[in-house]
N, C-alpha and C. Protein backbone atom coordinates (compact mmCIF):
# COMPACT_ATOMS: atom_id res chain seq x y z
N UNK A 1 -6.63 -2.85 -16.43
CA UNK A 1 -7.14 -2.28 -15.18
C UNK A 1 -6.91 -3.26 -14.04
N UNK A 2 -6.31 -2.76 -12.99
CA UNK A 2 -6.03 -3.59 -11.83
C UNK A 2 -6.90 -3.15 -10.66
N UNK A 3 -7.09 -4.05 -9.70
CA UNK A 3 -7.77 -3.72 -8.45
C UNK A 3 -6.71 -3.37 -7.42
N UNK A 4 -6.75 -2.13 -6.95
CA UNK A 4 -5.75 -1.61 -6.02
C UNK A 4 -6.43 -1.33 -4.68
N UNK A 5 -5.80 -1.76 -3.60
CA UNK A 5 -6.26 -1.46 -2.25
C UNK A 5 -5.32 -0.43 -1.63
N UNK A 6 -5.88 0.70 -1.19
CA UNK A 6 -5.10 1.75 -0.53
C UNK A 6 -5.48 1.75 0.95
N UNK A 7 -4.49 1.52 1.82
CA UNK A 7 -4.72 1.51 3.26
C UNK A 7 -3.92 2.68 3.86
N UNK A 8 -4.63 3.66 4.40
CA UNK A 8 -3.98 4.82 5.01
C UNK A 8 -4.97 5.49 5.94
N UNK A 9 -4.49 5.95 7.09
CA UNK A 9 -5.38 6.57 8.06
C UNK A 9 -5.66 8.04 7.77
N UNK A 10 -5.03 8.62 6.77
CA UNK A 10 -5.28 10.02 6.41
C UNK A 10 -6.35 10.07 5.31
N UNK A 11 -7.57 10.51 5.65
CA UNK A 11 -8.66 10.52 4.66
C UNK A 11 -8.35 11.32 3.40
N UNK A 12 -7.66 12.46 3.55
CA UNK A 12 -7.35 13.29 2.39
C UNK A 12 -6.40 12.56 1.44
N UNK A 13 -5.40 11.90 1.99
CA UNK A 13 -4.45 11.16 1.15
C UNK A 13 -5.15 9.99 0.47
N UNK A 14 -5.97 9.27 1.21
CA UNK A 14 -6.72 8.15 0.62
C UNK A 14 -7.57 8.63 -0.54
N UNK A 15 -8.27 9.74 -0.34
CA UNK A 15 -9.13 10.29 -1.38
C UNK A 15 -8.34 10.72 -2.60
N UNK A 16 -7.21 11.37 -2.38
CA UNK A 16 -6.37 11.82 -3.49
C UNK A 16 -5.82 10.62 -4.25
N UNK A 17 -5.35 9.60 -3.54
CA UNK A 17 -4.81 8.42 -4.20
C UNK A 17 -5.90 7.68 -4.98
N UNK A 18 -7.09 7.62 -4.40
CA UNK A 18 -8.22 7.00 -5.11
C UNK A 18 -8.45 7.70 -6.44
N UNK A 19 -8.52 9.03 -6.41
CA UNK A 19 -8.76 9.82 -7.61
C UNK A 19 -7.66 9.60 -8.66
N UNK A 20 -6.41 9.68 -8.23
CA UNK A 20 -5.27 9.51 -9.13
C UNK A 20 -5.28 8.11 -9.75
N UNK A 21 -5.50 7.10 -8.91
CA UNK A 21 -5.45 5.71 -9.42
C UNK A 21 -6.65 5.39 -10.30
N UNK A 22 -7.82 5.94 -9.98
CA UNK A 22 -8.99 5.74 -10.85
C UNK A 22 -8.77 6.41 -12.20
N UNK A 23 -8.17 7.59 -12.18
CA UNK A 23 -7.86 8.29 -13.44
C UNK A 23 -6.84 7.51 -14.26
N UNK A 24 -5.99 6.74 -13.57
CA UNK A 24 -5.00 5.90 -14.27
C UNK A 24 -5.63 4.60 -14.76
N UNK A 25 -6.93 4.43 -14.51
CA UNK A 25 -7.64 3.28 -15.05
C UNK A 25 -7.83 2.11 -14.10
N UNK A 26 -7.50 2.30 -12.83
CA UNK A 26 -7.59 1.21 -11.86
C UNK A 26 -8.91 1.24 -11.09
N UNK A 27 -9.29 0.06 -10.59
CA UNK A 27 -10.42 -0.07 -9.68
C UNK A 27 -9.83 0.05 -8.28
N UNK A 28 -10.35 0.97 -7.47
CA UNK A 28 -9.71 1.26 -6.18
C UNK A 28 -10.63 0.95 -5.00
N UNK A 29 -10.07 0.23 -4.03
CA UNK A 29 -10.70 -0.01 -2.73
C UNK A 29 -9.85 0.76 -1.72
N UNK A 30 -10.45 1.17 -0.60
CA UNK A 30 -9.61 1.81 0.41
C UNK A 30 -10.06 1.42 1.81
N UNK A 31 -9.15 1.63 2.74
CA UNK A 31 -9.39 1.28 4.15
C UNK A 31 -8.61 2.26 5.03
N UNK A 32 -9.17 2.61 6.21
CA UNK A 32 -8.53 3.57 7.09
C UNK A 32 -7.44 2.99 8.00
N UNK A 33 -7.30 1.67 8.01
CA UNK A 33 -6.26 1.03 8.83
C UNK A 33 -6.08 -0.41 8.36
N UNK A 34 -5.07 -1.06 8.89
CA UNK A 34 -4.76 -2.42 8.48
C UNK A 34 -5.84 -3.43 8.83
N UNK A 35 -6.52 -3.22 9.94
CA UNK A 35 -7.58 -4.15 10.36
C UNK A 35 -8.67 -4.21 9.30
N UNK A 36 -9.15 -3.04 8.87
CA UNK A 36 -10.18 -2.97 7.83
C UNK A 36 -9.58 -3.41 6.49
N UNK A 37 -8.33 -3.02 6.25
CA UNK A 37 -7.67 -3.37 5.00
C UNK A 37 -7.60 -4.87 4.76
N UNK A 38 -7.29 -5.63 5.79
CA UNK A 38 -7.22 -7.09 5.66
C UNK A 38 -8.60 -7.66 5.30
N UNK A 39 -9.66 -7.11 5.90
CA UNK A 39 -11.02 -7.56 5.59
C UNK A 39 -11.33 -7.27 4.12
N UNK A 40 -11.04 -6.06 3.66
CA UNK A 40 -11.28 -5.69 2.27
C UNK A 40 -10.47 -6.59 1.34
N UNK A 41 -9.22 -6.86 1.69
CA UNK A 41 -8.36 -7.74 0.89
C UNK A 41 -8.96 -9.14 0.77
N UNK A 42 -9.46 -9.66 1.88
CA UNK A 42 -10.05 -11.01 1.87
C UNK A 42 -11.34 -11.07 1.04
N UNK A 43 -12.09 -9.96 1.00
CA UNK A 43 -13.40 -9.95 0.34
C UNK A 43 -13.34 -9.65 -1.15
N UNK A 44 -12.18 -9.24 -1.65
CA UNK A 44 -12.05 -8.83 -3.04
C UNK A 44 -10.80 -9.42 -3.66
N UNK A 45 -10.77 -9.47 -4.98
CA UNK A 45 -9.56 -9.90 -5.68
C UNK A 45 -8.69 -8.66 -5.87
N UNK A 46 -7.69 -8.52 -5.03
CA UNK A 46 -6.83 -7.35 -5.05
C UNK A 46 -5.54 -7.70 -5.79
N UNK A 47 -5.19 -6.88 -6.78
CA UNK A 47 -3.97 -7.11 -7.55
C UNK A 47 -2.74 -6.50 -6.88
N UNK A 48 -2.94 -5.40 -6.14
CA UNK A 48 -1.81 -4.72 -5.50
C UNK A 48 -2.34 -3.89 -4.34
N UNK A 49 -1.58 -3.87 -3.24
CA UNK A 49 -1.96 -3.10 -2.06
C UNK A 49 -0.91 -2.02 -1.80
N UNK A 50 -1.39 -0.81 -1.51
CA UNK A 50 -0.54 0.30 -1.08
C UNK A 50 -0.91 0.53 0.38
N UNK A 51 0.06 0.38 1.29
CA UNK A 51 -0.26 0.56 2.70
C UNK A 51 0.69 1.51 3.40
N UNK A 52 0.11 2.37 4.22
CA UNK A 52 0.88 3.22 5.11
C UNK A 52 1.47 2.32 6.19
N UNK A 53 2.48 2.82 6.87
CA UNK A 53 3.10 2.02 7.94
C UNK A 53 2.54 2.42 9.30
N UNK A 54 2.50 3.71 9.59
CA UNK A 54 2.07 4.16 10.92
C UNK A 54 0.58 4.49 10.90
N UNK A 55 -0.22 3.59 11.50
CA UNK A 55 -1.69 3.73 11.54
C UNK A 55 -2.21 3.18 12.86
N UNK A 56 -3.40 3.67 13.27
CA UNK A 56 -4.04 3.06 14.45
C UNK A 56 -4.65 1.71 14.09
N UNK A 57 -5.13 1.00 15.08
CA UNK A 57 -5.81 -0.30 14.92
C UNK A 57 -4.84 -1.42 14.56
N UNK A 58 -4.28 -1.37 13.34
CA UNK A 58 -3.28 -2.36 12.91
C UNK A 58 -2.32 -1.61 12.00
N UNK A 59 -1.07 -1.53 12.42
CA UNK A 59 -0.10 -0.76 11.64
C UNK A 59 0.36 -1.54 10.41
N UNK A 60 1.12 -0.86 9.56
CA UNK A 60 1.47 -1.41 8.26
C UNK A 60 2.35 -2.64 8.26
N UNK A 61 3.33 -2.71 9.15
CA UNK A 61 4.23 -3.87 9.17
C UNK A 61 3.42 -5.14 9.47
N UNK A 62 2.56 -5.06 10.47
CA UNK A 62 1.70 -6.18 10.82
C UNK A 62 0.74 -6.52 9.68
N UNK A 63 0.23 -5.49 9.02
CA UNK A 63 -0.67 -5.69 7.89
C UNK A 63 0.04 -6.39 6.74
N UNK A 64 1.25 -5.96 6.42
CA UNK A 64 2.03 -6.60 5.35
C UNK A 64 2.25 -8.07 5.67
N UNK A 65 2.64 -8.36 6.90
CA UNK A 65 2.87 -9.75 7.31
C UNK A 65 1.61 -10.59 7.13
N UNK A 66 0.47 -10.04 7.55
CA UNK A 66 -0.79 -10.80 7.44
C UNK A 66 -1.19 -10.99 5.98
N UNK A 67 -1.06 -9.95 5.16
CA UNK A 67 -1.41 -10.09 3.74
C UNK A 67 -0.53 -11.14 3.07
N UNK A 68 0.74 -11.19 3.43
CA UNK A 68 1.66 -12.19 2.85
C UNK A 68 1.32 -13.60 3.32
N UNK A 69 0.78 -13.73 4.54
CA UNK A 69 0.33 -15.06 5.01
C UNK A 69 -0.90 -15.50 4.23
N UNK A 70 -1.81 -14.56 3.97
CA UNK A 70 -3.04 -14.87 3.23
C UNK A 70 -2.71 -15.19 1.77
N UNK A 71 -1.86 -14.36 1.18
CA UNK A 71 -1.53 -14.49 -0.25
C UNK A 71 -0.04 -14.22 -0.42
N UNK A 72 0.79 -15.27 -0.38
CA UNK A 72 2.25 -15.09 -0.43
C UNK A 72 2.76 -14.28 -1.62
N UNK A 73 2.03 -14.28 -2.71
CA UNK A 73 2.48 -13.54 -3.90
C UNK A 73 1.84 -12.16 -4.03
N UNK A 74 1.17 -11.71 -2.96
CA UNK A 74 0.53 -10.39 -2.98
C UNK A 74 1.57 -9.32 -3.28
N UNK A 75 1.21 -8.37 -4.14
CA UNK A 75 2.09 -7.25 -4.45
C UNK A 75 1.76 -6.11 -3.49
N UNK A 76 2.79 -5.59 -2.84
CA UNK A 76 2.58 -4.56 -1.80
C UNK A 76 3.59 -3.44 -1.95
N UNK A 77 3.08 -2.20 -1.87
CA UNK A 77 3.93 -1.02 -1.80
C UNK A 77 3.69 -0.38 -0.44
N UNK A 78 4.77 -0.19 0.33
CA UNK A 78 4.68 0.46 1.64
C UNK A 78 4.98 1.95 1.47
N UNK A 79 4.17 2.78 2.12
CA UNK A 79 4.41 4.23 2.11
C UNK A 79 4.49 4.72 3.54
N UNK A 80 5.36 5.72 3.77
CA UNK A 80 5.46 6.27 5.12
C UNK A 80 6.17 7.61 5.09
N UNK A 81 5.72 8.48 5.97
CA UNK A 81 6.41 9.74 6.19
C UNK A 81 7.28 9.67 7.43
N UNK A 82 7.30 8.52 8.08
CA UNK A 82 8.13 8.33 9.25
C UNK A 82 7.53 8.83 10.55
N UNK A 83 6.31 9.33 10.51
CA UNK A 83 5.67 9.81 11.74
C UNK A 83 6.32 11.08 12.25
N UNK A 84 6.06 11.40 13.50
CA UNK A 84 6.59 12.64 14.09
C UNK A 84 8.11 12.69 14.07
N UNK A 85 8.75 11.53 14.13
CA UNK A 85 10.22 11.50 14.18
C UNK A 85 10.84 11.46 12.78
N UNK A 86 10.01 11.32 11.75
CA UNK A 86 10.48 11.21 10.36
C UNK A 86 11.45 10.04 10.18
N UNK A 87 11.22 8.96 10.91
CA UNK A 87 12.06 7.78 10.87
C UNK A 87 11.65 6.90 9.69
N UNK A 88 12.44 6.93 8.61
CA UNK A 88 12.09 6.15 7.43
C UNK A 88 12.64 4.73 7.49
N UNK A 89 13.22 4.33 8.63
CA UNK A 89 13.64 2.94 8.81
C UNK A 89 12.44 2.00 8.69
N UNK A 90 11.25 2.53 8.95
CA UNK A 90 10.03 1.71 8.83
C UNK A 90 9.91 1.13 7.42
N UNK A 91 10.33 1.90 6.42
CA UNK A 91 10.24 1.42 5.04
C UNK A 91 11.21 0.28 4.79
N UNK A 92 12.37 0.33 5.40
CA UNK A 92 13.34 -0.77 5.29
C UNK A 92 12.78 -2.03 5.92
N UNK A 93 12.18 -1.88 7.09
CA UNK A 93 11.56 -3.03 7.77
C UNK A 93 10.42 -3.57 6.93
N UNK A 94 9.63 -2.68 6.33
CA UNK A 94 8.50 -3.11 5.49
C UNK A 94 9.00 -3.97 4.33
N UNK A 95 10.10 -3.59 3.73
CA UNK A 95 10.66 -4.38 2.62
C UNK A 95 11.09 -5.76 3.11
N UNK A 96 11.70 -5.80 4.30
CA UNK A 96 12.13 -7.08 4.87
C UNK A 96 10.95 -7.97 5.21
N UNK A 97 9.79 -7.37 5.52
CA UNK A 97 8.59 -8.13 5.89
C UNK A 97 7.76 -8.54 4.68
N UNK A 98 8.17 -8.12 3.48
CA UNK A 98 7.47 -8.58 2.29
C UNK A 98 6.98 -7.53 1.33
N UNK A 99 7.10 -6.24 1.67
CA UNK A 99 6.70 -5.21 0.71
C UNK A 99 7.62 -5.29 -0.51
N UNK A 100 7.04 -5.20 -1.69
CA UNK A 100 7.83 -5.27 -2.92
C UNK A 100 8.59 -3.98 -3.18
N UNK A 101 7.97 -2.88 -2.83
CA UNK A 101 8.57 -1.56 -3.02
C UNK A 101 8.17 -0.68 -1.85
N UNK A 102 8.87 0.46 -1.72
CA UNK A 102 8.51 1.43 -0.69
C UNK A 102 8.67 2.83 -1.26
N UNK A 103 7.91 3.74 -0.66
CA UNK A 103 7.91 5.12 -1.14
C UNK A 103 7.76 6.03 0.07
N UNK A 104 8.68 6.99 0.20
CA UNK A 104 8.64 7.93 1.32
C UNK A 104 7.67 9.07 1.01
N UNK A 105 6.85 9.42 2.00
CA UNK A 105 5.97 10.59 1.89
C UNK A 105 6.79 11.83 2.21
N UNK A 106 6.52 12.95 1.59
CA UNK A 106 5.56 13.12 0.50
C UNK A 106 6.15 12.62 -0.82
N UNK A 107 5.27 12.16 -1.69
CA UNK A 107 5.70 11.73 -3.02
C UNK A 107 4.74 12.32 -4.04
N UNK A 108 5.21 12.41 -5.27
CA UNK A 108 4.34 12.88 -6.34
C UNK A 108 3.41 11.73 -6.72
N UNK A 109 2.13 12.00 -6.94
CA UNK A 109 1.19 10.93 -7.30
C UNK A 109 1.68 10.09 -8.48
N UNK A 110 2.32 10.74 -9.46
CA UNK A 110 2.79 10.00 -10.63
C UNK A 110 3.87 8.98 -10.24
N UNK A 111 4.65 9.27 -9.19
CA UNK A 111 5.65 8.31 -8.72
C UNK A 111 4.98 7.00 -8.32
N UNK A 112 3.85 7.11 -7.61
CA UNK A 112 3.13 5.92 -7.18
C UNK A 112 2.52 5.20 -8.38
N UNK A 113 1.92 5.94 -9.30
CA UNK A 113 1.34 5.32 -10.50
C UNK A 113 2.41 4.56 -11.27
N UNK A 114 3.59 5.17 -11.43
CA UNK A 114 4.69 4.52 -12.15
C UNK A 114 5.15 3.25 -11.43
N UNK A 115 5.24 3.32 -10.11
CA UNK A 115 5.65 2.15 -9.31
C UNK A 115 4.63 1.02 -9.44
N UNK A 116 3.36 1.37 -9.39
CA UNK A 116 2.30 0.37 -9.54
C UNK A 116 2.38 -0.28 -10.92
N UNK A 117 2.52 0.56 -11.96
CA UNK A 117 2.62 0.03 -13.33
C UNK A 117 3.81 -0.91 -13.46
N UNK A 118 4.93 -0.53 -12.85
CA UNK A 118 6.13 -1.37 -12.89
C UNK A 118 5.90 -2.72 -12.21
N UNK A 119 5.33 -2.67 -11.02
CA UNK A 119 5.07 -3.91 -10.27
C UNK A 119 4.09 -4.83 -11.00
N UNK A 120 3.05 -4.24 -11.55
CA UNK A 120 2.05 -5.06 -12.25
C UNK A 120 2.64 -5.67 -13.53
N UNK A 121 3.55 -4.94 -14.17
CA UNK A 121 4.18 -5.42 -15.41
C UNK A 121 5.22 -6.50 -15.13
N UNK A 122 6.00 -6.32 -14.05
CA UNK A 122 7.10 -7.25 -13.78
C UNK A 122 6.69 -8.41 -12.89
N UNK A 123 5.60 -8.25 -12.18
CA UNK A 123 5.15 -9.35 -11.32
C UNK A 123 5.69 -9.32 -9.92
N UNK A 124 6.48 -8.29 -9.53
CA UNK A 124 6.81 -8.21 -8.12
C UNK A 124 8.25 -8.02 -7.76
N UNK A 125 8.71 -8.81 -6.80
CA UNK A 125 9.99 -8.62 -6.12
C UNK A 125 11.13 -8.40 -7.10
N UNK A 126 11.90 -7.35 -6.78
CA UNK A 126 13.05 -7.08 -7.61
C UNK A 126 13.71 -5.79 -7.26
């Protein structure tokens, strides 16, 4: 069982991911934006973070950079639907800023579970 932090400004998606990840046996924390997410990350032992890119308060790229400064070996999966423009270049930038993997929305919940299992098993970048 791993401790997973889900950062996303969409309450329905956060709730669904919480349910899916808890059913997969993980302990789940969540946050509505990167600002809150960084606080939750600092207060808990987080094994892996899933963060949206486009959010209010503190967006995902900035959040990834800060998490990597706090914990250089933090495992991070970036997710994004590209916003109104459907620009998925954000995911490429997220990988360059330290995200280990990225996933375009919409995705099947099992895709995320499989990606998390892979990252936790392999230890990260690859």
